[in-house]
Amino acid sequence: MSVALIAFGGNIPSTTRDVSQSLEAAAAMLGDLPGVAGLRRSRWFRTPAHPVGSGPDFINGVARVETTLAPAELLERMHAIEAALGRTRPARWAPRICDLDLLAMDDMVLPDAATVRDWMALDQGKAQSLVPPRLILPHPRMQERAFVLVPLADIAPDWRHPLTGLSVAEMLAALPEADRAAVVPLEPGGAS
């Protein structure tokens, strides 16, 4: 079994659910997938849209699952969950009902360390306009995003990036205080 870390986000309601309900449904669907077990998720957090000004505030969270699925197969099933909940992809970083991102799987580096490092080094402008032609693990922008790292710290603060060696807690501490403070929990208490 591998351990996968998955980011959840959404900022528009569907025709039948509000954003929180869509994310709860996505978590339930993910936990029910064949080959997936032990789902543990963070609290939900309200976060400013990324990039700034691109739409309404998001609700974000992260889940940890154990899986027998290969990374590409898990990602394909995550995309099927998004589609089942009504997600469309009119433009990159457009408002969305549900967005699931595969952040990491164990300490896998895909497709290779040089490619991941190249994507990590892209400036913000290029990162917004370019789409990777294949799955990249770990997610090349996760270390920059408080909306990922704050919820990830709920459930996996000690997970270490396989290329930088930094833990989630260390990556989060390196972000500006204003970025961290903008990620506000919607639920009291800890992870579920």
N, C-alpha and C. Protein backbone atom coordinates (compact mmCIF):
# COMPACT_ATOMS: atom_id res chain seq x y z
N MET A 1 0.84 -1.19 0.00
CA MET A 1 0.00 0.00 0.00
C MET A 1 0.88 1.24 0.00
N SER A 2 0.48 2.21 -0.79
CA SER A 2 1.13 3.52 -0.80
C SER A 2 0.27 4.51 -0.04
N VAL A 3 0.90 5.57 0.46
CA VAL A 3 0.17 6.66 1.09
C VAL A 3 0.11 7.81 0.09
N ALA A 4 -1.09 8.27 -0.19
CA ALA A 4 -1.29 9.39 -1.10
C ALA A 4 -1.83 10.58 -0.33
N LEU A 5 -1.37 11.76 -0.69
CA LEU A 5 -1.85 13.02 -0.12
C LEU A 5 -2.59 13.75 -1.23
N ILE A 6 -3.84 14.13 -0.94
CA ILE A 6 -4.73 14.68 -1.96
C ILE A 6 -5.32 16.00 -1.47
N ALA A 7 -5.22 17.04 -2.28
CA ALA A 7 -5.79 18.34 -1.96
C ALA A 7 -7.20 18.44 -2.53
N PHE A 8 -8.08 19.06 -1.77
CA PHE A 8 -9.46 19.32 -2.17
C PHE A 8 -9.66 20.83 -2.23
N GLY A 9 -10.43 21.29 -3.19
CA GLY A 9 -10.78 22.70 -3.22
C GLY A 9 -12.02 22.92 -4.06
N GLY A 10 -12.73 23.99 -3.75
CA GLY A 10 -13.90 24.38 -4.53
C GLY A 10 -14.30 25.78 -4.13
N ASN A 11 -14.93 26.50 -5.09
CA ASN A 11 -15.37 27.84 -4.74
C ASN A 11 -16.69 28.25 -5.40
N ILE A 12 -17.37 27.32 -6.05
CA ILE A 12 -18.71 27.60 -6.54
C ILE A 12 -19.61 26.41 -6.23
N PRO A 13 -20.88 26.68 -5.93
CA PRO A 13 -21.79 25.58 -5.63
C PRO A 13 -22.19 24.85 -6.92
N SER A 14 -22.64 23.62 -6.75
CA SER A 14 -23.23 22.90 -7.87
C SER A 14 -24.72 23.24 -7.89
N THR A 15 -25.46 22.60 -8.75
CA THR A 15 -26.91 22.85 -8.78
C THR A 15 -27.61 22.22 -7.58
N THR A 16 -26.94 21.28 -6.90
CA THR A 16 -27.60 20.58 -5.79
C THR A 16 -26.87 20.67 -4.46
N ARG A 17 -25.65 21.21 -4.44
CA ARG A 17 -24.86 21.24 -3.22
C ARG A 17 -24.13 22.56 -3.07
N ASP A 18 -23.90 22.97 -1.80
CA ASP A 18 -22.99 24.08 -1.60
C ASP A 18 -21.56 23.54 -1.67
N VAL A 19 -20.58 24.41 -1.60
CA VAL A 19 -19.18 23.99 -1.79
C VAL A 19 -18.77 22.95 -0.75
N SER A 20 -19.07 23.19 0.51
CA SER A 20 -18.70 22.23 1.56
C SER A 20 -19.32 20.87 1.31
N GLN A 21 -20.58 20.85 0.90
CA GLN A 21 -21.26 19.58 0.63
C GLN A 21 -20.60 18.85 -0.54
N SER A 22 -20.20 19.59 -1.57
CA SER A 22 -19.50 18.96 -2.70
C SER A 22 -18.18 18.34 -2.25
N LEU A 23 -17.44 19.05 -1.40
CA LEU A 23 -16.15 18.53 -0.94
C LEU A 23 -16.36 17.32 -0.02
N GLU A 24 -17.38 17.36 0.82
CA GLU A 24 -17.70 16.20 1.66
C GLU A 24 -18.06 15.00 0.78
N ALA A 25 -18.84 15.25 -0.28
CA ALA A 25 -19.20 14.17 -1.20
C ALA A 25 -17.96 13.62 -1.89
N ALA A 26 -17.05 14.50 -2.30
CA ALA A 26 -15.81 14.06 -2.95
C ALA A 26 -14.99 13.19 -2.00
N ALA A 27 -14.90 13.59 -0.73
CA ALA A 27 -14.14 12.80 0.24
C ALA A 27 -14.78 11.43 0.42
N ALA A 28 -16.11 11.39 0.50
CA ALA A 28 -16.81 10.10 0.65
C ALA A 28 -16.58 9.21 -0.58
N MET A 29 -16.66 9.81 -1.77
CA MET A 29 -16.44 9.04 -3.00
C MET A 29 -15.01 8.53 -3.08
N LEU A 30 -14.06 9.35 -2.68
CA LEU A 30 -12.66 8.94 -2.67
C LEU A 30 -12.46 7.77 -1.71
N GLY A 31 -13.02 7.88 -0.52
CA GLY A 31 -12.89 6.81 0.47
C GLY A 31 -13.54 5.51 0.06
N ASP A 32 -14.54 5.58 -0.84
CA ASP A 32 -15.25 4.39 -1.30
C ASP A 32 -14.62 3.74 -2.53
N LEU A 33 -13.58 4.35 -3.10
CA LEU A 33 -12.96 3.77 -4.29
C LEU A 33 -12.33 2.42 -3.99
N PRO A 34 -12.50 1.45 -4.88
CA PRO A 34 -11.76 0.19 -4.73
C PRO A 34 -10.25 0.50 -4.76
N GLY A 35 -9.52 -0.11 -3.86
CA GLY A 35 -8.08 0.12 -3.79
C GLY A 35 -7.69 1.30 -2.94
N VAL A 36 -8.65 1.94 -2.27
CA VAL A 36 -8.39 3.08 -1.39
C VAL A 36 -8.95 2.76 -0.01
N ALA A 37 -8.15 3.04 1.01
CA ALA A 37 -8.59 2.76 2.39
C ALA A 37 -8.02 3.82 3.33
N GLY A 38 -8.56 3.84 4.54
CA GLY A 38 -7.99 4.65 5.61
C GLY A 38 -8.00 6.13 5.37
N LEU A 39 -9.03 6.66 4.73
CA LEU A 39 -9.08 8.08 4.47
C LEU A 39 -9.11 8.86 5.78
N ARG A 40 -8.24 9.83 5.86
CA ARG A 40 -8.20 10.76 6.98
C ARG A 40 -8.07 12.14 6.38
N ARG A 41 -8.96 13.06 6.76
CA ARG A 41 -8.91 14.38 6.14
C ARG A 41 -8.71 15.47 7.17
N SER A 42 -8.21 16.57 6.68
CA SER A 42 -8.02 17.76 7.49
C SER A 42 -9.37 18.43 7.74
N ARG A 43 -9.32 19.47 8.52
CA ARG A 43 -10.47 20.37 8.60
C ARG A 43 -10.61 21.06 7.25
N TRP A 44 -11.77 21.68 7.03
CA TRP A 44 -11.95 22.54 5.86
C TRP A 44 -11.52 23.95 6.24
N PHE A 45 -10.94 24.66 5.28
CA PHE A 45 -10.44 26.01 5.49
C PHE A 45 -10.98 26.93 4.41
N ARG A 46 -11.30 28.17 4.79
CA ARG A 46 -11.66 29.20 3.80
C ARG A 46 -10.36 29.89 3.40
N THR A 47 -10.18 30.04 2.09
CA THR A 47 -8.94 30.64 1.59
C THR A 47 -9.25 31.58 0.43
N PRO A 48 -8.46 32.61 0.25
CA PRO A 48 -8.65 33.50 -0.91
C PRO A 48 -8.40 32.71 -2.21
N ALA A 49 -9.12 33.10 -3.25
CA ALA A 49 -8.93 32.46 -4.55
C ALA A 49 -7.49 32.62 -5.00
N HIS A 50 -7.00 31.60 -5.72
CA HIS A 50 -5.64 31.63 -6.27
C HIS A 50 -5.74 31.42 -7.77
N PRO A 51 -5.17 32.28 -8.57
CA PRO A 51 -4.49 33.51 -8.18
C PRO A 51 -5.49 34.55 -7.67
N VAL A 52 -4.98 35.52 -6.93
CA VAL A 52 -5.81 36.54 -6.31
C VAL A 52 -6.70 37.20 -7.37
N GLY A 53 -7.97 37.35 -7.03
CA GLY A 53 -8.92 38.00 -7.93
C GLY A 53 -9.53 37.08 -8.97
N SER A 54 -9.22 35.78 -8.92
CA SER A 54 -9.72 34.87 -9.95
C SER A 54 -11.11 34.32 -9.65
N GLY A 55 -11.70 34.71 -8.53
CA GLY A 55 -13.04 34.23 -8.23
C GLY A 55 -13.34 34.32 -6.76
N PRO A 56 -14.48 33.72 -6.35
CA PRO A 56 -14.84 33.73 -4.93
C PRO A 56 -13.83 32.94 -4.09
N ASP A 57 -13.86 33.20 -2.78
CA ASP A 57 -13.01 32.43 -1.87
C ASP A 57 -13.23 30.94 -2.05
N PHE A 58 -12.20 30.17 -1.75
CA PHE A 58 -12.25 28.72 -1.82
C PHE A 58 -12.49 28.12 -0.45
N ILE A 59 -12.94 26.90 -0.47
CA ILE A 59 -12.86 26.02 0.69
C ILE A 59 -11.85 24.96 0.29
N ASN A 60 -10.84 24.75 1.13
CA ASN A 60 -9.77 23.79 0.84
C ASN A 60 -9.59 22.83 2.00
N GLY A 61 -9.05 21.68 1.68
CA GLY A 61 -8.67 20.68 2.67
C GLY A 61 -7.73 19.69 2.02
N VAL A 62 -7.27 18.75 2.82
CA VAL A 62 -6.36 17.71 2.33
C VAL A 62 -6.77 16.39 2.96
N ALA A 63 -6.57 15.31 2.20
CA ALA A 63 -6.82 13.97 2.72
C ALA A 63 -5.57 13.12 2.55
N ARG A 64 -5.45 12.17 3.44
CA ARG A 64 -4.41 11.14 3.38
C ARG A 64 -5.13 9.83 3.21
N VAL A 65 -4.73 9.05 2.21
CA VAL A 65 -5.32 7.73 2.00
C VAL A 65 -4.22 6.71 1.78
N GLU A 66 -4.56 5.47 2.04
CA GLU A 66 -3.71 4.35 1.66
C GLU A 66 -4.31 3.76 0.40
N THR A 67 -3.46 3.39 -0.55
CA THR A 67 -3.98 2.91 -1.83
C THR A 67 -3.08 1.87 -2.46
N THR A 68 -3.72 0.98 -3.20
CA THR A 68 -2.99 0.02 -4.02
C THR A 68 -2.94 0.50 -5.47
N LEU A 69 -3.57 1.63 -5.75
CA LEU A 69 -3.61 2.16 -7.11
C LEU A 69 -2.29 2.82 -7.47
N ALA A 70 -1.93 2.74 -8.73
CA ALA A 70 -0.78 3.47 -9.24
C ALA A 70 -1.15 4.96 -9.30
N PRO A 71 -0.17 5.86 -9.26
CA PRO A 71 -0.48 7.29 -9.26
C PRO A 71 -1.40 7.73 -10.41
N ALA A 72 -1.12 7.32 -11.63
CA ALA A 72 -1.93 7.75 -12.78
C ALA A 72 -3.36 7.21 -12.66
N GLU A 73 -3.50 6.00 -12.15
CA GLU A 73 -4.83 5.41 -11.98
C GLU A 73 -5.62 6.15 -10.90
N LEU A 74 -4.96 6.49 -9.81
CA LEU A 74 -5.62 7.25 -8.75
C LEU A 74 -6.05 8.62 -9.28
N LEU A 75 -5.17 9.29 -10.02
CA LEU A 75 -5.51 10.59 -10.59
C LEU A 75 -6.71 10.48 -11.54
N GLU A 76 -6.74 9.45 -12.35
CA GLU A 76 -7.86 9.24 -13.27
C GLU A 76 -9.18 9.09 -12.49
N ARG A 77 -9.15 8.36 -11.41
CA ARG A 77 -10.36 8.18 -10.59
C ARG A 77 -10.73 9.47 -9.86
N MET A 78 -9.74 10.26 -9.48
CA MET A 78 -10.03 11.57 -8.88
C MET A 78 -10.72 12.48 -9.89
N HIS A 79 -10.27 12.46 -11.13
CA HIS A 79 -10.91 13.26 -12.18
C HIS A 79 -12.34 12.79 -12.42
N ALA A 80 -12.59 11.49 -12.32
CA ALA A 80 -13.95 10.96 -12.46
C ALA A 80 -14.85 11.46 -11.33
N ILE A 81 -14.31 11.57 -10.12
CA ILE A 81 -15.07 12.11 -8.99
C ILE A 81 -15.42 13.57 -9.27
N GLU A 82 -14.44 14.36 -9.73
CA GLU A 82 -14.72 15.76 -10.07
C GLU A 82 -15.85 15.86 -11.09
N ALA A 83 -15.77 15.04 -12.14
CA ALA A 83 -16.79 15.08 -13.20
C ALA A 83 -18.16 14.67 -12.65
N ALA A 84 -18.19 13.66 -11.80
CA ALA A 84 -19.46 13.21 -11.23
C ALA A 84 -20.12 14.29 -10.39
N LEU A 85 -19.30 15.17 -9.81
CA LEU A 85 -19.83 16.26 -8.99
C LEU A 85 -20.14 17.52 -9.82
N GLY A 86 -19.88 17.47 -11.13
CA GLY A 86 -20.24 18.58 -12.00
C GLY A 86 -19.10 19.49 -12.41
N ARG A 87 -17.87 19.09 -12.14
CA ARG A 87 -16.73 19.93 -12.51
C ARG A 87 -16.58 19.98 -14.02
N THR A 88 -16.40 21.17 -14.53
CA THR A 88 -16.01 21.37 -15.93
C THR A 88 -14.68 22.11 -15.91
N ARG A 89 -13.99 22.13 -17.03
CA ARG A 89 -12.67 22.75 -17.11
C ARG A 89 -12.64 23.78 -18.24
N PRO A 90 -13.36 24.92 -18.06
CA PRO A 90 -13.38 25.91 -19.13
C PRO A 90 -12.06 26.65 -19.29
N ALA A 91 -11.31 26.82 -18.20
CA ALA A 91 -10.02 27.51 -18.26
C ALA A 91 -9.23 27.12 -17.02
N ARG A 92 -7.92 27.23 -17.14
CA ARG A 92 -7.07 26.93 -16.00
C ARG A 92 -7.36 27.91 -14.88
N TRP A 93 -7.49 27.40 -13.66
CA TRP A 93 -7.73 28.18 -12.45
C TRP A 93 -9.05 28.95 -12.50
N ALA A 94 -10.00 28.45 -13.29
CA ALA A 94 -11.34 29.04 -13.28
C ALA A 94 -12.04 28.62 -11.99
N PRO A 95 -13.08 29.35 -11.57
CA PRO A 95 -13.86 28.88 -10.43
C PRO A 95 -14.34 27.45 -10.68
N ARG A 96 -14.44 26.67 -9.60
CA ARG A 96 -14.79 25.26 -9.78
C ARG A 96 -15.61 24.72 -8.62
N ILE A 97 -16.39 23.71 -8.95
CA ILE A 97 -17.22 23.02 -7.95
C ILE A 97 -16.34 22.17 -7.05
N CYS A 98 -15.44 21.43 -7.67
CA CYS A 98 -14.57 20.52 -6.91
C CYS A 98 -13.28 20.31 -7.69
N ASP A 99 -12.18 20.46 -7.00
CA ASP A 99 -10.86 20.25 -7.60
C ASP A 99 -10.10 19.31 -6.68
N LEU A 100 -9.61 18.23 -7.23
CA LEU A 100 -8.80 17.26 -6.48
C LEU A 100 -7.42 17.21 -7.12
N ASP A 101 -6.39 17.44 -6.32
CA ASP A 101 -5.02 17.39 -6.81
C ASP A 101 -4.24 16.34 -6.04
N LEU A 102 -3.55 15.48 -6.77
CA LEU A 102 -2.65 14.51 -6.15
C LEU A 102 -1.36 15.25 -5.80
N LEU A 103 -1.14 15.44 -4.50
CA LEU A 103 0.03 16.19 -4.04
C LEU A 103 1.28 15.34 -3.99
N ALA A 104 1.15 14.14 -3.47
CA ALA A 104 2.31 13.27 -3.29
C ALA A 104 1.84 11.85 -3.08
N MET A 105 2.75 10.93 -3.34
CA MET A 105 2.50 9.52 -3.10
C MET A 105 3.80 8.94 -2.57
N ASP A 106 3.75 8.56 -1.29
CA ASP A 106 4.96 8.11 -0.60
C ASP A 106 6.07 9.14 -0.87
N ASP A 107 7.24 8.65 -1.26
CA ASP A 107 8.32 9.59 -1.61
C ASP A 107 8.64 9.51 -3.10
N MET A 108 7.59 9.20 -3.90
CA MET A 108 7.77 9.10 -5.35
C MET A 108 8.12 10.46 -5.95
N VAL A 109 8.98 10.42 -6.95
CA VAL A 109 9.33 11.59 -7.75
C VAL A 109 9.05 11.20 -9.20
N LEU A 110 8.02 11.82 -9.80
CA LEU A 110 7.59 11.47 -11.15
C LEU A 110 7.51 12.71 -12.03
N PRO A 111 7.92 12.64 -13.29
CA PRO A 111 8.51 11.49 -13.94
C PRO A 111 9.97 11.27 -13.55
N ASP A 112 10.65 12.35 -13.12
CA ASP A 112 12.04 12.25 -12.66
C ASP A 112 12.38 13.54 -11.91
N ALA A 113 13.47 13.51 -11.15
CA ALA A 113 13.84 14.65 -10.30
C ALA A 113 14.09 15.93 -11.12
N ALA A 114 14.75 15.79 -12.28
CA ALA A 114 15.06 16.99 -13.08
C ALA A 114 13.78 17.67 -13.56
N THR A 115 12.80 16.90 -14.00
CA THR A 115 11.54 17.48 -14.47
C THR A 115 10.80 18.16 -13.33
N VAL A 116 10.74 17.50 -12.18
CA VAL A 116 10.04 18.10 -11.03
C VAL A 116 10.73 19.40 -10.64
N ARG A 117 12.05 19.39 -10.57
CA ARG A 117 12.78 20.62 -10.21
C ARG A 117 12.55 21.73 -11.23
N ASP A 118 12.49 21.40 -12.52
CA ASP A 118 12.21 22.41 -13.55
C ASP A 118 10.85 23.05 -13.32
N TRP A 119 9.84 22.23 -13.02
CA TRP A 119 8.50 22.78 -12.78
C TRP A 119 8.45 23.56 -11.47
N MET A 120 9.20 23.15 -10.47
CA MET A 120 9.25 23.90 -9.21
C MET A 120 9.89 25.27 -9.41
N ALA A 121 10.80 25.38 -10.35
CA ALA A 121 11.55 26.62 -10.56
C ALA A 121 10.82 27.63 -11.46
N LEU A 122 9.70 27.25 -12.06
CA LEU A 122 8.99 28.18 -12.93
C LEU A 122 8.54 29.41 -12.16
N ASP A 123 8.64 30.58 -12.82
CA ASP A 123 8.11 31.78 -12.18
C ASP A 123 6.58 31.73 -12.22
N GLN A 124 5.95 32.57 -11.42
CA GLN A 124 4.49 32.55 -11.27
C GLN A 124 3.77 32.70 -12.60
N GLY A 125 4.26 33.57 -13.47
CA GLY A 125 3.61 33.79 -14.76
C GLY A 125 3.59 32.53 -15.60
N LYS A 126 4.73 31.87 -15.72
CA LYS A 126 4.79 30.64 -16.50
C LYS A 126 3.99 29.53 -15.84
N ALA A 127 4.04 29.47 -14.52
CA ALA A 127 3.30 28.44 -13.79
C ALA A 127 1.80 28.57 -14.02
N GLN A 128 1.32 29.79 -14.22
CA GLN A 128 -0.10 30.01 -14.46
C GLN A 128 -0.50 29.66 -15.89
N SER A 129 0.43 29.74 -16.82
CA SER A 129 0.06 29.55 -18.22
C SER A 129 0.40 28.16 -18.76
N LEU A 130 1.34 27.48 -18.16
CA LEU A 130 1.76 26.17 -18.67
C LEU A 130 1.05 25.04 -17.93
N VAL A 131 0.72 24.00 -18.65
CA VAL A 131 0.09 22.81 -18.07
C VAL A 131 1.04 21.64 -18.29
N PRO A 132 1.40 20.93 -17.23
CA PRO A 132 2.30 19.79 -17.43
C PRO A 132 1.68 18.75 -18.37
N PRO A 133 2.48 18.16 -19.25
CA PRO A 133 1.95 17.16 -20.18
C PRO A 133 1.67 15.81 -19.52
N ARG A 134 2.14 15.64 -18.28
CA ARG A 134 1.93 14.37 -17.57
C ARG A 134 1.97 14.65 -16.07
N LEU A 135 1.63 13.63 -15.32
CA LEU A 135 1.59 13.75 -13.86
C LEU A 135 2.98 14.05 -13.31
N ILE A 136 3.04 15.04 -12.44
CA ILE A 136 4.29 15.41 -11.77
C ILE A 136 4.08 15.23 -10.27
N LEU A 137 4.95 14.46 -9.65
CA LEU A 137 4.90 14.23 -8.20
C LEU A 137 6.27 14.42 -7.61
N PRO A 138 6.34 15.05 -6.44
CA PRO A 138 5.25 15.72 -5.75
C PRO A 138 4.79 16.95 -6.53
N HIS A 139 3.60 17.43 -6.17
CA HIS A 139 3.04 18.60 -6.86
C HIS A 139 4.08 19.71 -6.83
N PRO A 140 4.42 20.28 -7.99
CA PRO A 140 5.55 21.21 -8.05
C PRO A 140 5.33 22.57 -7.39
N ARG A 141 4.10 22.92 -7.01
CA ARG A 141 3.84 24.23 -6.39
C ARG A 141 3.39 24.10 -4.93
N MET A 142 3.30 22.90 -4.41
CA MET A 142 2.73 22.73 -3.07
C MET A 142 3.49 23.51 -2.01
N GLN A 143 4.80 23.63 -2.13
CA GLN A 143 5.62 24.29 -1.12
C GLN A 143 5.38 25.80 -1.06
N GLU A 144 4.67 26.34 -2.05
CA GLU A 144 4.40 27.79 -2.12
C GLU A 144 3.00 28.15 -1.65
N ARG A 145 2.18 27.17 -1.38
CA ARG A 145 0.76 27.41 -1.21
C ARG A 145 0.27 27.14 0.21
N ALA A 146 -0.05 28.21 0.89
CA ALA A 146 -0.58 28.06 2.25
C ALA A 146 -1.90 27.29 2.24
N PHE A 147 -2.70 27.44 1.19
CA PHE A 147 -3.98 26.75 1.12
C PHE A 147 -3.82 25.23 1.00
N VAL A 148 -2.63 24.78 0.67
CA VAL A 148 -2.30 23.35 0.69
C VAL A 148 -1.60 22.99 1.99
N LEU A 149 -0.61 23.76 2.37
CA LEU A 149 0.22 23.39 3.52
C LEU A 149 -0.49 23.51 4.86
N VAL A 150 -1.37 24.50 5.03
CA VAL A 150 -2.07 24.62 6.31
C VAL A 150 -2.93 23.39 6.57
N PRO A 151 -3.80 22.98 5.62
CA PRO A 151 -4.56 21.75 5.89
C PRO A 151 -3.68 20.50 5.94
N LEU A 152 -2.62 20.46 5.13
CA LEU A 152 -1.72 19.30 5.16
C LEU A 152 -1.06 19.16 6.53
N ALA A 153 -0.79 20.29 7.17
CA ALA A 153 -0.21 20.25 8.52
C ALA A 153 -1.17 19.63 9.53
N ASP A 154 -2.47 19.65 9.26
CA ASP A 154 -3.46 19.00 10.12
C ASP A 154 -3.24 17.50 10.19
N ILE A 155 -2.86 16.91 9.06
CA ILE A 155 -2.84 15.44 9.00
C ILE A 155 -1.46 14.83 8.72
N ALA A 156 -0.53 15.62 8.23
CA ALA A 156 0.79 15.07 7.89
C ALA A 156 1.90 16.10 8.08
N PRO A 157 2.02 16.70 9.27
CA PRO A 157 3.02 17.76 9.45
C PRO A 157 4.46 17.28 9.28
N ASP A 158 4.69 15.99 9.45
CA ASP A 158 6.04 15.45 9.38
C ASP A 158 6.40 14.88 8.01
N TRP A 159 5.44 14.85 7.07
CA TRP A 159 5.77 14.37 5.72
C TRP A 159 6.87 15.24 5.15
N ARG A 160 7.85 14.61 4.53
CA ARG A 160 8.99 15.34 3.96
C ARG A 160 8.98 15.27 2.44
N HIS A 161 9.22 16.44 1.86
CA HIS A 161 9.33 16.54 0.40
C HIS A 161 10.54 15.73 -0.03
N PRO A 162 10.39 14.81 -0.97
CA PRO A 162 11.51 13.93 -1.32
C PRO A 162 12.68 14.63 -2.00
N LEU A 163 12.48 15.82 -2.55
CA LEU A 163 13.58 16.53 -3.21
C LEU A 163 14.21 17.60 -2.32
N THR A 164 13.40 18.31 -1.55
CA THR A 164 13.95 19.38 -0.70
C THR A 164 14.32 18.89 0.69
N GLY A 165 13.71 17.78 1.11
CA GLY A 165 13.95 17.26 2.45
C GLY A 165 13.19 18.02 3.53
N LEU A 166 12.43 19.05 3.15
CA LEU A 166 11.69 19.84 4.13
C LEU A 166 10.38 19.16 4.52
N SER A 167 10.04 19.26 5.79
CA SER A 167 8.76 18.74 6.26
C SER A 167 7.65 19.73 5.91
N VAL A 168 6.41 19.27 6.00
CA VAL A 168 5.27 20.17 5.79
C VAL A 168 5.37 21.34 6.75
N ALA A 169 5.65 21.05 8.02
CA ALA A 169 5.76 22.12 9.03
C ALA A 169 6.84 23.13 8.65
N GLU A 170 7.98 22.67 8.14
CA GLU A 170 9.06 23.57 7.74
C GLU A 170 8.68 24.39 6.51
N MET A 171 8.03 23.76 5.53
CA MET A 171 7.60 24.50 4.34
C MET A 171 6.58 25.57 4.72
N LEU A 172 5.66 25.21 5.62
CA LEU A 172 4.65 26.16 6.06
C LEU A 172 5.28 27.33 6.81
N ALA A 173 6.23 27.04 7.68
CA ALA A 173 6.89 28.10 8.45
C ALA A 173 7.66 29.06 7.54
N ALA A 174 8.08 28.60 6.37
CA ALA A 174 8.83 29.45 5.43
C ALA A 174 7.95 30.42 4.66
N LEU A 175 6.63 30.22 4.70
CA LEU A 175 5.73 31.12 3.98
C LEU A 175 5.50 32.41 4.76
N PRO A 176 5.17 33.49 4.07
CA PRO A 176 4.86 34.73 4.79
C PRO A 176 3.69 34.55 5.75
N GLU A 177 3.77 35.21 6.88
CA GLU A 177 2.71 35.12 7.90
C GLU A 177 1.36 35.49 7.31
N ALA A 178 1.31 36.50 6.45
CA ALA A 178 0.03 36.92 5.85
C ALA A 178 -0.61 35.79 5.04
N ASP A 179 0.20 35.02 4.34
CA ASP A 179 -0.33 33.88 3.57
C ASP A 179 -0.93 32.83 4.50
N ARG A 180 -0.21 32.53 5.57
CA ARG A 180 -0.70 31.52 6.53
C ARG A 180 -1.97 32.01 7.22
N ALA A 181 -2.01 33.29 7.59
CA ALA A 181 -3.15 33.84 8.31
C ALA A 181 -4.40 33.92 7.44
N ALA A 182 -4.24 33.94 6.13
CA ALA A 182 -5.38 34.03 5.22
C ALA A 182 -6.14 32.71 5.10
N VAL A 183 -5.57 31.63 5.62
CA VAL A 183 -6.20 30.29 5.56
C VAL A 183 -6.88 30.07 6.92
N VAL A 184 -8.21 30.19 6.93
CA VAL A 184 -8.99 30.21 8.17
C VAL A 184 -9.82 28.95 8.29
N PRO A 185 -9.71 28.22 9.42
CA PRO A 185 -10.49 26.99 9.57
C PRO A 185 -11.99 27.27 9.66
N LEU A 186 -12.77 26.40 9.01
CA LEU A 186 -14.22 26.48 9.09
C LEU A 186 -14.76 25.65 10.24
N GLU A 187 -13.96 24.69 10.70
CA GLU A 187 -14.41 23.77 11.74
C GLU A 187 -13.52 23.88 12.94
N PRO A 188 -14.09 23.85 14.13
CA PRO A 188 -13.25 23.78 15.32
C PRO A 188 -12.64 22.38 15.45
N GLY A 189 -11.58 22.27 16.22
CA GLY A 189 -11.00 20.96 16.50
C GLY A 189 -10.02 20.51 15.46
N GLY A 190 -9.71 19.23 15.51
CA GLY A 190 -8.67 18.68 14.65
C GLY A 190 -9.21 17.96 13.44
N ALA A 191 -8.35 17.19 12.83
CA ALA A 191 -8.68 16.46 11.62
C ALA A 191 -9.64 15.32 11.93
N SER A 192 -10.33 14.85 10.90
CA SER A 192 -11.25 13.71 11.08
C SER A 192 -10.79 12.53 10.25
